């Protein structure tokens, strides 16, 4: 696949981390690896995502894991159904649980290489492992759960909840 999954499957996406249509976003680009076993991406963080001097902010790393893992699940759903990414009906997934272990400080100024794969069967609920490497050094590992959803119905439900004031209550 020569085009990023985000560009093929969701060119109108506005997610801050991975939406191609968000001009102020990060615009992560995820691709199948050459061997077709993992989904990979490379990100060059801007210094505005610094935590301690010379280190990448952990929340930025969590966002990378979230977005890249979600695209990994969607790509696997298309493949499991024998379909090309972006074909209809559109596959949509949301984060059910986001987990990340920070193994070592992640240095700024080094390309970050993401590599993710499915841990188990692709179903409505799917576990994804996502590694982040700064150069060749493994610095963080994500272990997350994603749910397949009807994105139109999900948006409708969210808007109904907001309209009725049923949001978070302290």
N, C-alpha and C. Protein backbone atom coordinates (compact mmCIF):
# COMPACT_ATOMS: atom_id res chain seq x y z
N UNK A 1 0.86 -1.18 0.00
CA UNK A 1 0.00 0.00 0.00
C UNK A 1 0.90 1.23 0.00
N UNK A 2 0.79 2.05 -1.02
CA UNK A 2 1.66 3.22 -1.12
C UNK A 2 1.06 4.44 -0.42
N UNK A 3 -0.23 4.42 -0.18
CA UNK A 3 -0.88 5.54 0.50
C UNK A 3 -1.16 5.15 1.95
N UNK A 4 -1.09 6.13 2.85
CA UNK A 4 -1.36 5.88 4.26
C UNK A 4 -2.80 5.43 4.45
N UNK A 5 -2.99 4.55 5.45
CA UNK A 5 -4.34 4.07 5.77
C UNK A 5 -5.29 5.24 6.03
N UNK A 6 -4.80 6.26 6.74
CA UNK A 6 -5.63 7.41 7.06
C UNK A 6 -6.12 8.12 5.79
N UNK A 7 -5.24 8.23 4.80
CA UNK A 7 -5.59 8.93 3.56
C UNK A 7 -6.57 8.12 2.71
N UNK A 8 -6.47 6.80 2.77
CA UNK A 8 -7.34 5.92 1.97
C UNK A 8 -8.69 5.73 2.65
N UNK A 9 -8.66 5.48 3.97
CA UNK A 9 -9.88 5.12 4.69
C UNK A 9 -10.63 6.30 5.31
N UNK A 10 -9.93 7.38 5.60
CA UNK A 10 -10.58 8.50 6.28
C UNK A 10 -10.02 9.84 5.88
N UNK A 11 -10.02 10.17 4.59
CA UNK A 11 -9.41 11.43 4.16
C UNK A 11 -10.07 12.67 4.76
N UNK A 12 -11.31 12.53 5.24
CA UNK A 12 -12.02 13.66 5.85
C UNK A 12 -11.89 13.66 7.38
N UNK A 13 -11.06 12.76 7.92
CA UNK A 13 -10.90 12.63 9.37
C UNK A 13 -10.29 13.88 9.99
N UNK A 14 -10.83 14.29 11.14
CA UNK A 14 -10.36 15.50 11.81
C UNK A 14 -9.69 15.23 13.16
N UNK A 15 -9.42 13.97 13.47
CA UNK A 15 -8.74 13.64 14.72
C UNK A 15 -7.44 14.43 14.81
N UNK A 16 -7.16 14.96 16.00
CA UNK A 16 -5.95 15.75 16.20
C UNK A 16 -4.69 14.93 15.89
N UNK A 17 -4.69 13.67 16.26
CA UNK A 17 -3.50 12.85 16.07
C UNK A 17 -3.31 12.31 14.67
N UNK A 18 -4.40 11.88 14.04
CA UNK A 18 -4.26 11.15 12.77
C UNK A 18 -5.16 11.63 11.64
N UNK A 19 -5.93 12.67 11.85
CA UNK A 19 -6.86 13.12 10.82
C UNK A 19 -6.18 13.89 9.70
N UNK A 20 -6.26 13.38 8.48
CA UNK A 20 -5.66 14.09 7.35
C UNK A 20 -6.27 15.47 7.09
N UNK A 21 -7.53 15.67 7.54
CA UNK A 21 -8.21 16.93 7.29
C UNK A 21 -8.04 17.94 8.42
N UNK A 22 -7.20 17.63 9.41
CA UNK A 22 -6.96 18.57 10.50
C UNK A 22 -5.63 19.28 10.24
N UNK A 23 -5.69 20.51 9.72
CA UNK A 23 -4.45 21.21 9.36
C UNK A 23 -3.55 21.53 10.56
N UNK A 24 -4.10 21.53 11.78
CA UNK A 24 -3.29 21.82 12.96
C UNK A 24 -2.88 20.54 13.71
N UNK A 25 -3.31 19.39 13.20
CA UNK A 25 -3.03 18.12 13.86
C UNK A 25 -1.68 17.54 13.50
N UNK A 26 -1.38 16.39 14.08
CA UNK A 26 -0.11 15.69 13.87
C UNK A 26 -0.10 14.97 12.52
N UNK A 27 -1.25 14.46 12.11
CA UNK A 27 -1.42 13.76 10.83
C UNK A 27 -0.51 12.53 10.71
N UNK A 28 -0.58 11.66 11.70
CA UNK A 28 0.14 10.39 11.67
C UNK A 28 -0.23 9.65 10.39
N UNK A 29 0.74 8.98 9.79
CA UNK A 29 0.52 8.18 8.57
C UNK A 29 0.92 6.74 8.87
N UNK A 30 -0.04 5.82 8.82
CA UNK A 30 0.18 4.41 9.14
C UNK A 30 0.11 3.57 7.87
N UNK A 31 1.00 2.58 7.78
CA UNK A 31 1.11 1.72 6.60
C UNK A 31 1.31 0.27 7.04
N UNK A 32 0.90 -0.67 6.19
CA UNK A 32 1.27 -2.06 6.41
C UNK A 32 2.77 -2.17 6.25
N UNK A 33 3.42 -2.97 7.10
CA UNK A 33 4.86 -3.23 6.96
C UNK A 33 5.10 -4.03 5.68
N UNK A 34 6.34 -4.07 5.23
CA UNK A 34 6.67 -4.78 4.00
C UNK A 34 6.26 -6.24 4.06
N UNK A 35 6.39 -6.88 5.24
CA UNK A 35 6.02 -8.29 5.36
C UNK A 35 4.52 -8.48 5.62
N UNK A 36 3.77 -7.37 5.79
CA UNK A 36 2.33 -7.45 5.98
C UNK A 36 1.87 -7.96 7.34
N UNK A 37 2.79 -8.03 8.32
CA UNK A 37 2.43 -8.57 9.63
C UNK A 37 2.12 -7.49 10.66
N UNK A 38 2.58 -6.28 10.41
CA UNK A 38 2.40 -5.19 11.36
C UNK A 38 1.99 -3.93 10.60
N UNK A 39 1.50 -2.96 11.37
CA UNK A 39 1.23 -1.64 10.81
C UNK A 39 2.28 -0.71 11.42
N UNK A 40 2.92 0.09 10.58
CA UNK A 40 4.05 0.90 11.01
C UNK A 40 3.83 2.38 10.68
N UNK A 41 4.53 3.23 11.40
CA UNK A 41 4.51 4.68 11.15
C UNK A 41 5.80 5.27 11.70
N UNK A 42 6.18 6.40 11.16
CA UNK A 42 7.31 7.16 11.68
C UNK A 42 6.85 8.58 11.93
N UNK A 43 7.19 9.09 13.10
CA UNK A 43 6.78 10.44 13.51
C UNK A 43 8.03 11.20 13.98
N UNK A 44 8.09 12.46 13.61
CA UNK A 44 9.17 13.35 14.05
C UNK A 44 8.54 14.43 14.94
N UNK A 45 8.55 14.23 16.28
CA UNK A 45 7.85 15.18 17.15
C UNK A 45 8.48 16.57 17.14
N UNK A 46 7.63 17.55 17.09
CA UNK A 46 8.04 18.95 17.19
C UNK A 46 8.45 19.22 18.64
N UNK A 47 9.34 20.16 18.85
CA UNK A 47 9.81 20.47 20.20
C UNK A 47 8.70 21.00 21.11
N UNK A 48 7.56 21.41 20.54
CA UNK A 48 6.46 21.85 21.41
C UNK A 48 5.87 20.68 22.21
N UNK A 49 6.26 19.45 21.87
CA UNK A 49 5.81 18.26 22.61
C UNK A 49 6.88 17.77 23.59
N UNK A 50 7.66 18.71 24.11
CA UNK A 50 8.71 18.41 25.08
C UNK A 50 8.11 18.37 26.48
N UNK A 51 8.61 17.44 27.30
CA UNK A 51 8.23 17.42 28.72
C UNK A 51 9.42 17.97 29.50
N UNK A 52 10.34 17.12 29.89
CA UNK A 52 11.59 17.56 30.47
C UNK A 52 12.49 17.99 29.32
N UNK A 53 13.49 18.82 29.59
CA UNK A 53 14.37 19.25 28.49
C UNK A 53 14.93 18.06 27.71
N UNK A 54 14.71 18.09 26.41
CA UNK A 54 15.24 17.05 25.53
C UNK A 54 14.44 15.77 25.47
N UNK A 55 13.28 15.72 26.16
CA UNK A 55 12.48 14.50 26.18
C UNK A 55 11.07 14.74 25.64
N UNK A 56 10.52 13.72 24.99
CA UNK A 56 9.16 13.79 24.45
C UNK A 56 8.15 13.62 25.59
N UNK A 57 7.12 14.44 25.56
CA UNK A 57 6.03 14.42 26.54
C UNK A 57 5.30 13.07 26.48
N UNK A 58 5.08 12.45 27.62
CA UNK A 58 4.43 11.15 27.69
C UNK A 58 3.02 11.14 27.13
N UNK A 59 2.29 12.24 27.29
CA UNK A 59 0.94 12.33 26.73
C UNK A 59 0.95 12.29 25.21
N UNK A 60 1.99 12.85 24.61
CA UNK A 60 2.15 12.79 23.15
C UNK A 60 2.36 11.34 22.73
N UNK A 61 3.18 10.60 23.49
CA UNK A 61 3.40 9.19 23.18
C UNK A 61 2.10 8.39 23.31
N UNK A 62 1.30 8.69 24.32
CA UNK A 62 0.02 8.01 24.50
C UNK A 62 -0.91 8.28 23.31
N UNK A 63 -0.90 9.52 22.82
CA UNK A 63 -1.72 9.86 21.65
C UNK A 63 -1.25 9.06 20.43
N UNK A 64 0.06 8.92 20.26
CA UNK A 64 0.57 8.13 19.13
C UNK A 64 0.10 6.69 19.23
N UNK A 65 0.20 6.10 20.43
CA UNK A 65 -0.26 4.72 20.63
C UNK A 65 -1.74 4.61 20.32
N UNK A 66 -2.54 5.54 20.81
CA UNK A 66 -3.99 5.52 20.60
C UNK A 66 -4.33 5.54 19.12
N UNK A 67 -3.84 6.53 18.42
CA UNK A 67 -4.19 6.68 17.00
C UNK A 67 -3.64 5.54 16.15
N UNK A 68 -2.37 5.23 16.30
CA UNK A 68 -1.75 4.20 15.47
C UNK A 68 -2.37 2.83 15.74
N UNK A 69 -2.67 2.53 16.99
CA UNK A 69 -3.30 1.25 17.33
C UNK A 69 -4.69 1.15 16.73
N UNK A 70 -5.43 2.25 16.75
CA UNK A 70 -6.78 2.25 16.18
C UNK A 70 -6.72 1.94 14.68
N UNK A 71 -5.77 2.56 13.97
CA UNK A 71 -5.64 2.28 12.54
C UNK A 71 -5.19 0.86 12.29
N UNK A 72 -4.41 0.31 13.20
CA UNK A 72 -3.99 -1.09 13.08
C UNK A 72 -5.21 -2.01 13.14
N UNK A 73 -6.10 -1.76 14.11
CA UNK A 73 -7.32 -2.58 14.23
C UNK A 73 -8.17 -2.45 12.97
N UNK A 74 -8.38 -1.23 12.50
CA UNK A 74 -9.23 -1.05 11.32
C UNK A 74 -8.63 -1.75 10.11
N UNK A 75 -7.31 -1.64 9.92
CA UNK A 75 -6.65 -2.31 8.80
C UNK A 75 -6.83 -3.82 8.88
N UNK A 76 -6.73 -4.36 10.08
CA UNK A 76 -6.92 -5.80 10.26
C UNK A 76 -8.36 -6.23 9.99
N UNK A 77 -9.33 -5.40 10.35
CA UNK A 77 -10.72 -5.72 10.04
C UNK A 77 -10.92 -5.81 8.53
N UNK A 78 -10.42 -4.84 7.79
CA UNK A 78 -10.54 -4.90 6.33
C UNK A 78 -9.91 -6.18 5.80
N UNK A 79 -8.71 -6.49 6.28
CA UNK A 79 -8.01 -7.68 5.81
C UNK A 79 -8.77 -8.95 6.17
N UNK A 80 -9.28 -9.04 7.40
CA UNK A 80 -10.01 -10.23 7.85
C UNK A 80 -11.27 -10.46 7.02
N UNK A 81 -11.84 -9.38 6.50
CA UNK A 81 -13.04 -9.48 5.67
C UNK A 81 -12.70 -9.61 4.19
N UNK A 82 -11.41 -9.69 3.86
CA UNK A 82 -10.99 -9.83 2.46
C UNK A 82 -11.28 -8.60 1.62
N UNK A 83 -11.24 -7.43 2.26
CA UNK A 83 -11.56 -6.19 1.55
C UNK A 83 -10.37 -5.25 1.52
N UNK A 84 -10.37 -4.37 0.55
CA UNK A 84 -9.35 -3.33 0.46
C UNK A 84 -9.65 -2.25 1.49
N UNK A 85 -8.61 -1.70 2.13
CA UNK A 85 -8.84 -0.59 3.05
C UNK A 85 -9.59 0.55 2.36
N UNK A 86 -10.59 1.07 3.04
CA UNK A 86 -11.39 2.17 2.50
C UNK A 86 -12.63 1.72 1.76
N UNK A 87 -12.76 0.41 1.49
CA UNK A 87 -13.95 -0.07 0.78
C UNK A 87 -15.16 0.02 1.72
N UNK A 88 -16.34 0.05 1.11
CA UNK A 88 -17.58 0.17 1.89
C UNK A 88 -18.15 -1.21 2.20
N UNK A 89 -18.79 -1.37 3.34
CA UNK A 89 -19.02 -0.35 4.37
C UNK A 89 -17.74 -0.03 5.13
N UNK A 90 -17.66 1.22 5.52
CA UNK A 90 -16.47 1.72 6.23
C UNK A 90 -16.32 1.04 7.59
N UNK A 91 -15.10 0.70 7.94
CA UNK A 91 -14.80 0.12 9.25
C UNK A 91 -14.48 1.27 10.21
N UNK A 92 -15.11 1.25 11.37
CA UNK A 92 -14.84 2.25 12.40
C UNK A 92 -14.58 1.58 13.74
N UNK A 93 -13.62 2.08 14.48
CA UNK A 93 -13.29 1.56 15.80
C UNK A 93 -13.03 2.71 16.76
N UNK A 94 -13.25 2.46 18.05
CA UNK A 94 -12.97 3.45 19.08
C UNK A 94 -12.17 2.79 20.20
N UNK A 95 -11.50 3.60 20.96
CA UNK A 95 -10.68 3.13 22.07
C UNK A 95 -11.58 2.73 23.23
N UNK A 96 -11.40 1.51 23.73
CA UNK A 96 -12.11 1.06 24.92
C UNK A 96 -11.22 1.16 26.15
N UNK A 97 -9.93 0.89 25.95
CA UNK A 97 -8.96 0.97 27.04
C UNK A 97 -7.60 1.29 26.44
N UNK A 98 -6.96 2.31 26.95
CA UNK A 98 -5.65 2.71 26.47
C UNK A 98 -4.63 2.44 27.56
N UNK A 99 -3.64 1.61 27.23
CA UNK A 99 -2.59 1.31 28.19
C UNK A 99 -1.24 1.60 27.59
N UNK A 100 -0.33 2.14 28.40
CA UNK A 100 1.02 2.41 27.92
C UNK A 100 2.01 2.24 29.07
N UNK A 101 3.11 1.58 28.77
CA UNK A 101 4.21 1.45 29.72
C UNK A 101 5.39 2.24 29.17
N UNK A 102 5.88 3.16 29.97
CA UNK A 102 7.04 3.95 29.59
C UNK A 102 8.28 3.22 30.11
N UNK A 103 9.08 2.68 29.20
CA UNK A 103 10.22 1.86 29.57
C UNK A 103 11.49 2.68 29.80
N UNK A 104 11.66 3.70 28.97
CA UNK A 104 12.85 4.57 29.05
C UNK A 104 12.42 5.96 28.59
N UNK A 105 13.15 6.99 28.99
CA UNK A 105 12.84 8.33 28.47
C UNK A 105 12.97 8.32 26.94
N UNK A 106 12.06 9.01 26.28
CA UNK A 106 12.06 9.09 24.81
C UNK A 106 12.70 10.42 24.42
N UNK A 107 13.87 10.36 23.77
CA UNK A 107 14.57 11.60 23.44
C UNK A 107 13.90 12.37 22.31
N UNK A 108 13.97 13.68 22.41
CA UNK A 108 13.52 14.58 21.35
C UNK A 108 14.58 14.59 20.26
N UNK A 109 14.18 14.87 19.02
CA UNK A 109 15.13 14.99 17.92
C UNK A 109 15.50 13.68 17.26
N UNK A 110 14.81 12.60 17.63
CA UNK A 110 15.05 11.28 17.04
C UNK A 110 13.74 10.82 16.42
N UNK A 111 13.77 10.26 15.20
CA UNK A 111 12.51 9.74 14.63
C UNK A 111 11.92 8.66 15.53
N UNK A 112 10.62 8.72 15.73
CA UNK A 112 9.91 7.70 16.51
C UNK A 112 9.28 6.72 15.55
N UNK A 113 9.60 5.44 15.74
CA UNK A 113 9.08 4.38 14.88
C UNK A 113 8.03 3.60 15.65
N UNK A 114 6.82 3.55 15.10
CA UNK A 114 5.72 2.83 15.72
C UNK A 114 5.50 1.53 14.96
N UNK A 115 5.26 0.47 15.69
CA UNK A 115 4.98 -0.83 15.10
C UNK A 115 3.90 -1.48 15.94
N UNK A 116 2.77 -1.84 15.30
CA UNK A 116 1.64 -2.38 16.06
C UNK A 116 1.10 -3.64 15.39
N UNK A 117 0.53 -4.51 16.23
CA UNK A 117 -0.05 -5.75 15.73
C UNK A 117 -1.20 -6.16 16.65
N UNK A 118 -2.03 -7.05 16.10
CA UNK A 118 -3.17 -7.57 16.84
C UNK A 118 -2.71 -8.71 17.71
N UNK A 119 -3.15 -8.70 18.95
CA UNK A 119 -2.86 -9.77 19.89
C UNK A 119 -4.17 -10.55 20.06
N UNK A 120 -4.38 -11.58 19.25
CA UNK A 120 -5.61 -12.36 19.31
C UNK A 120 -6.46 -12.13 18.08
N UNK A 121 -7.67 -12.67 18.11
CA UNK A 121 -8.59 -12.59 16.98
C UNK A 121 -9.11 -11.17 16.77
N UNK A 122 -9.44 -10.87 15.52
CA UNK A 122 -10.09 -9.60 15.21
C UNK A 122 -11.59 -9.83 15.40
N UNK A 123 -12.17 -9.12 16.31
CA UNK A 123 -13.59 -9.21 16.58
C UNK A 123 -14.11 -7.84 16.93
N UNK A 124 -15.29 -7.79 17.55
CA UNK A 124 -15.81 -6.48 17.95
C UNK A 124 -14.87 -5.82 18.95
N UNK A 125 -14.25 -6.63 19.83
CA UNK A 125 -13.31 -6.13 20.84
C UNK A 125 -11.94 -6.73 20.50
N UNK A 126 -10.93 -5.87 20.26
CA UNK A 126 -9.64 -6.32 19.79
C UNK A 126 -8.50 -5.72 20.61
N UNK A 127 -7.55 -6.56 20.98
CA UNK A 127 -6.37 -6.11 21.72
C UNK A 127 -5.24 -5.82 20.74
N UNK A 128 -4.56 -4.68 20.95
CA UNK A 128 -3.45 -4.26 20.09
C UNK A 128 -2.23 -3.96 20.95
N UNK A 129 -1.08 -4.42 20.47
CA UNK A 129 0.20 -4.07 21.09
C UNK A 129 0.89 -3.10 20.13
N UNK A 130 1.43 -2.01 20.68
CA UNK A 130 2.09 -0.99 19.87
C UNK A 130 3.41 -0.59 20.52
N UNK A 131 4.50 -0.79 19.79
CA UNK A 131 5.81 -0.41 20.29
C UNK A 131 6.22 0.94 19.72
N UNK A 132 6.89 1.73 20.56
CA UNK A 132 7.49 2.99 20.10
C UNK A 132 9.00 2.86 20.31
N UNK A 133 9.72 3.11 19.25
CA UNK A 133 11.19 3.10 19.30
C UNK A 133 11.70 4.48 18.92
N UNK A 134 12.66 4.95 19.69
CA UNK A 134 13.37 6.19 19.35
C UNK A 134 14.66 5.72 18.70
N UNK A 135 14.71 5.84 17.37
CA UNK A 135 15.80 5.21 16.65
C UNK A 135 15.63 3.71 16.80
N UNK A 136 16.61 3.02 17.37
CA UNK A 136 16.53 1.57 17.59
C UNK A 136 16.15 1.20 19.02
N UNK A 137 15.99 2.19 19.88
CA UNK A 137 15.74 1.96 21.31
C UNK A 137 14.25 1.89 21.64
N UNK A 138 13.79 0.76 22.20
CA UNK A 138 12.40 0.62 22.62
C UNK A 138 12.17 1.47 23.86
N UNK A 139 11.26 2.46 23.76
CA UNK A 139 11.04 3.38 24.89
C UNK A 139 9.64 3.26 25.51
N UNK A 140 8.67 2.75 24.76
CA UNK A 140 7.31 2.64 25.30
C UNK A 140 6.57 1.52 24.57
N UNK A 141 5.63 0.88 25.29
CA UNK A 141 4.80 -0.17 24.72
C UNK A 141 3.36 0.08 25.12
N UNK A 142 2.49 0.13 24.12
CA UNK A 142 1.06 0.26 24.37
C UNK A 142 0.39 -1.10 24.34
N UNK A 143 -0.60 -1.28 25.20
CA UNK A 143 -1.41 -2.50 25.25
C UNK A 143 -2.84 -2.03 25.46
N UNK A 144 -3.61 -2.02 24.38
CA UNK A 144 -4.92 -1.35 24.40
C UNK A 144 -6.01 -2.22 23.81
N UNK A 145 -7.25 -1.85 24.10
CA UNK A 145 -8.44 -2.54 23.60
C UNK A 145 -9.26 -1.56 22.77
N UNK A 146 -9.71 -2.02 21.60
CA UNK A 146 -10.53 -1.21 20.70
C UNK A 146 -11.82 -1.95 20.38
N UNK A 147 -12.89 -1.19 20.17
CA UNK A 147 -14.19 -1.75 19.84
C UNK A 147 -14.59 -1.32 18.44
N UNK A 148 -15.13 -2.25 17.68
CA UNK A 148 -15.68 -1.91 16.38
C UNK A 148 -17.05 -1.30 16.60
N UNK A 149 -17.31 -0.19 15.92
CA UNK A 149 -18.57 0.54 16.11
C UNK A 149 -19.11 1.06 14.78
N UNK A 150 -20.38 1.39 14.81
CA UNK A 150 -21.01 2.14 13.72
C UNK A 150 -20.77 3.60 14.07
N UNK A 151 -19.86 4.26 13.37
CA UNK A 151 -19.46 5.62 13.74
C UNK A 151 -20.61 6.61 13.62
N UNK A 152 -21.50 6.42 12.68
CA UNK A 152 -22.65 7.31 12.54
C UNK A 152 -23.55 7.22 13.76
N UNK A 153 -23.84 6.00 14.20
CA UNK A 153 -24.68 5.80 15.38
C UNK A 153 -23.99 6.33 16.63
N UNK A 154 -22.68 6.16 16.71
CA UNK A 154 -21.92 6.66 17.86
C UNK A 154 -22.00 8.19 17.94
N UNK A 155 -21.84 8.86 16.80
CA UNK A 155 -21.94 10.33 16.78
C UNK A 155 -23.34 10.78 17.18
N UNK A 156 -24.36 10.11 16.66
CA UNK A 156 -25.75 10.45 17.01
C UNK A 156 -25.96 10.31 18.52
N UNK A 157 -25.48 9.22 19.09
CA UNK A 157 -25.63 8.98 20.52
C UNK A 157 -24.93 10.06 21.33
N UNK A 158 -23.73 10.44 20.93
CA UNK A 158 -22.98 11.47 21.64
C UNK A 158 -23.71 12.81 21.60
N UNK A 159 -24.29 13.15 20.45
CA UNK A 159 -25.00 14.42 20.33
C UNK A 159 -26.29 14.41 21.13
N UNK A 160 -26.98 13.29 21.19
CA UNK A 160 -28.19 13.19 22.00
C UNK A 160 -27.85 13.35 23.48
N UNK A 161 -26.76 12.71 23.92
CA UNK A 161 -26.34 12.81 25.31
C UNK A 161 -26.00 14.26 25.66
N UNK A 162 -25.26 14.93 24.79
CA UNK A 162 -24.87 16.32 25.03
C UNK A 162 -26.09 17.23 25.05
N UNK A 163 -27.05 17.00 24.16
CA UNK A 163 -28.25 17.83 24.07
C UNK A 163 -29.12 17.70 25.31
N UNK A 164 -29.08 16.54 25.96
CA UNK A 164 -29.91 16.31 27.14
C UNK A 164 -29.16 16.55 28.44
N UNK A 165 -27.93 17.05 28.34
CA UNK A 165 -27.17 17.35 29.55
C UNK A 165 -26.79 16.11 30.34
N UNK A 166 -26.61 15.00 29.64
CA UNK A 166 -26.30 13.75 30.33
C UNK A 166 -24.80 13.48 30.35
N UNK A 167 -24.02 14.53 30.31
CA UNK A 167 -22.57 14.36 30.31
C UNK A 167 -22.07 13.99 31.69
N UNK A 168 -20.80 14.16 31.91
CA UNK A 168 -20.15 13.79 33.17
C UNK A 168 -20.73 14.63 34.31
N UNK A 169 -21.02 13.94 35.40
CA UNK A 169 -21.51 14.61 36.61
C UNK A 169 -20.55 14.31 37.74
N UNK A 170 -20.13 15.35 38.43
CA UNK A 170 -19.15 15.18 39.54
C UNK A 170 -19.79 14.57 40.76
